[in-house]
Amino acid sequence: MDTAAQIKKNLITRIKDSKDLNFLNALQTIFDSSEQSLFQLSSEQQSAIEKGRSEIKNNQFFKNEEVISEMKQWLKKK
């Protein structure tokens, strides 16, 4: 059994066995907050993300190694 599955199994058992209302309410709060959106993005941010995804889909990007190499060359000229 992988680690995530073991943790889930352990949590399920502990939740089932718990009679502590404060503990269960705290867990409910954690679950509720994790289901909410963590970030509210502006329309400009959403557009930038969509543009980036489109560029990736169309292979309009540089590999990290290429960028690092180019930056090293640029820094040598400075």
C-alpha atoms as a PDB file:
ATOM      1  CA  MET A   1       0.000   0.000   0.000  1.00  0.00           C
ATOM      2  CA  ASP A   2       1.411   3.387  -0.938  1.00  0.00           C
ATOM      3  CA  THR A   3       1.942   6.178   1.572  1.00  0.00           C
ATOM      4  CA  ALA A   4      -1.099   8.243   0.551  1.00  0.00           C
ATOM      5  CA  ALA A   5      -3.401   5.248   0.791  1.00  0.00           C
ATOM      6  CA  GLN A   6      -2.015   4.363   4.224  1.00  0.00           C
ATOM      7  CA  ILE A   7      -2.505   7.915   5.481  1.00  0.00           C
ATOM      8  CA  LYS A   8      -6.082   7.980   4.167  1.00  0.00           C
ATOM      9  CA  LYS A   9      -6.849   4.638   5.801  1.00  0.00           C
ATOM     10  CA  ASN A  10      -5.396   5.857   9.107  1.00  0.00           C
ATOM     11  CA  LEU A  11      -7.372   9.114   8.966  1.00  0.00           C
ATOM     12  CA  ILE A  12     -10.629   7.321   8.139  1.00  0.00           C
ATOM     13  CA  THR A  13     -10.164   5.009  11.116  1.00  0.00           C
ATOM     14  CA  ARG A  14      -9.345   7.867  13.468  1.00  0.00           C
ATOM     15  CA  ILE A  15     -12.332   9.919  12.271  1.00  0.00           C
ATOM     16  CA  LYS A  16     -14.701   6.951  12.618  1.00  0.00           C
ATOM     17  CA  ASP A  17     -13.481   6.240  16.155  1.00  0.00           C
ATOM     18  CA  SER A  18     -13.477   9.853  17.340  1.00  0.00           C
ATOM     19  CA  LYS A  19     -16.170  11.111  19.673  1.00  0.00           C
ATOM     20  CA  ASP A  20     -14.473  14.518  20.119  1.00  0.00           C
ATOM     21  CA  LEU A  21     -16.820  17.077  18.560  1.00  0.00           C
ATOM     22  CA  ASN A  22     -14.159  19.834  18.620  1.00  0.00           C
ATOM     23  CA  PHE A  23     -11.749  17.605  16.704  1.00  0.00           C
ATOM     24  CA  LEU A  24     -14.399  16.672  14.145  1.00  0.00           C
ATOM     25  CA  ASN A  25     -15.430  20.327  13.726  1.00  0.00           C
ATOM     26  CA  ALA A  26     -11.775  21.275  13.194  1.00  0.00           C
ATOM     27  CA  LEU A  27     -11.445  18.610  10.513  1.00  0.00           C
ATOM     28  CA  GLN A  28     -14.636  19.825   8.873  1.00  0.00           C
ATOM     29  CA  THR A  29     -13.222  23.364   8.794  1.00  0.00           C
ATOM     30  CA  ILE A  30      -9.989  22.114   7.215  1.00  0.00           C
ATOM     31  CA  PHE A  31     -11.871  20.181   4.553  1.00  0.00           C
ATOM     32  CA  ASP A  32     -14.203  23.104   3.832  1.00  0.00           C
ATOM     33  CA  SER A  33     -11.337  25.574   3.478  1.00  0.00           C
ATOM     34  CA  SER A  34      -9.331  23.248   1.228  1.00  0.00           C
ATOM     35  CA  GLU A  35     -12.268  22.998  -1.144  1.00  0.00           C
ATOM     36  CA  GLN A  36     -12.486  26.764  -1.549  1.00  0.00           C
ATOM     37  CA  SER A  37     -10.413  28.555  -4.111  1.00  0.00           C
ATOM     38  CA  LEU A  38      -7.092  29.537  -2.567  1.00  0.00           C
ATOM     39  CA  PHE A  39      -6.476  32.377  -4.988  1.00  0.00           C
ATOM     40  CA  GLN A  40      -8.759  34.889  -6.579  1.00  0.00           C
ATOM     41  CA  LEU A  41      -7.177  35.733  -9.925  1.00  0.00           C
ATOM     42  CA  SER A  42      -7.822  38.959 -11.777  1.00  0.00           C
ATOM     43  CA  SER A  43      -8.966  38.793 -15.388  1.00  0.00           C
ATOM     44  CA  GLU A  44      -5.471  39.926 -16.449  1.00  0.00           C
ATOM     45  CA  GLN A  45      -3.892  37.069 -14.498  1.00  0.00           C
ATOM     46  CA  GLN A  46      -6.345  34.563 -15.961  1.00  0.00           C
ATOM     47  CA  SER A  47      -5.579  35.865 -19.471  1.00  0.00           C
ATOM     48  CA  ALA A  48      -1.823  35.583 -18.861  1.00  0.00           C
ATOM     49  CA  ILE A  49      -2.222  31.997 -17.668  1.00  0.00           C
ATOM     50  CA  GLU A  50      -4.345  31.105 -20.685  1.00  0.00           C
ATOM     51  CA  LYS A  51      -1.793  32.745 -23.005  1.00  0.00           C
ATOM     52  CA  GLY A  52       0.995  30.715 -21.386  1.00  0.00           C
ATOM     53  CA  ARG A  53      -0.947  27.487 -21.731  1.00  0.00           C
ATOM     54  CA  SER A  54      -1.631  28.268 -25.377  1.00  0.00           C
ATOM     55  CA  GLU A  55       2.072  28.989 -26.004  1.00  0.00           C
ATOM     56  CA  ILE A  56       3.038  25.685 -24.393  1.00  0.00           C
ATOM     57  CA  LYS A  57       0.450  23.838 -26.471  1.00  0.00           C
ATOM     58  CA  ASN A  58       1.905  25.407 -29.627  1.00  0.00           C
ATOM     59  CA  ASN A  59       5.534  24.728 -28.581  1.00  0.00           C
ATOM     60  CA  GLN A  60       6.247  28.457 -28.286  1.00  0.00           C
ATOM     61  CA  PHE A  61       8.566  28.266 -25.314  1.00  0.00           C
ATOM     62  CA  PHE A  62      12.213  27.845 -24.366  1.00  0.00           C
ATOM     63  CA  LYS A  63      13.543  24.961 -22.335  1.00  0.00           C
ATOM     64  CA  ASN A  64      14.971  25.866 -18.947  1.00  0.00           C
ATOM     65  CA  GLU A  65      18.452  24.748 -19.998  1.00  0.00           C
ATOM     66  CA  GLU A  66      18.343  27.074 -23.021  1.00  0.00           C
ATOM     67  CA  VAL A  67      17.353  30.044 -20.883  1.00  0.00           C
ATOM     68  CA  ILE A  68      20.072  29.342 -18.312  1.00  0.00           C
ATOM     69  CA  SER A  69      22.681  29.017 -21.046  1.00  0.00           C
ATOM     70  CA  GLU A  70      21.551  32.262 -22.655  1.00  0.00           C
ATOM     71  CA  MET A  71      21.604  34.069 -19.297  1.00  0.00           C
ATOM     72  CA  LYS A  72      25.141  32.818 -18.563  1.00  0.00           C
ATOM     73  CA  GLN A  73      26.321  34.115 -21.925  1.00  0.00           C
ATOM     74  CA  TRP A  74      24.615  37.446 -21.314  1.00  0.00           C
ATOM     75  CA  LEU A  75      26.195  37.743 -17.846  1.00  0.00           C
ATOM     76  CA  LYS A  76      29.657  37.086 -19.280  1.00  0.00           C
ATOM     77  CA  LYS A  77      29.217  40.128 -21.528  1.00  0.00           C
ATOM     78  CA  LYS A  78      28.426  42.384 -18.545  1.00  0.00           C
END
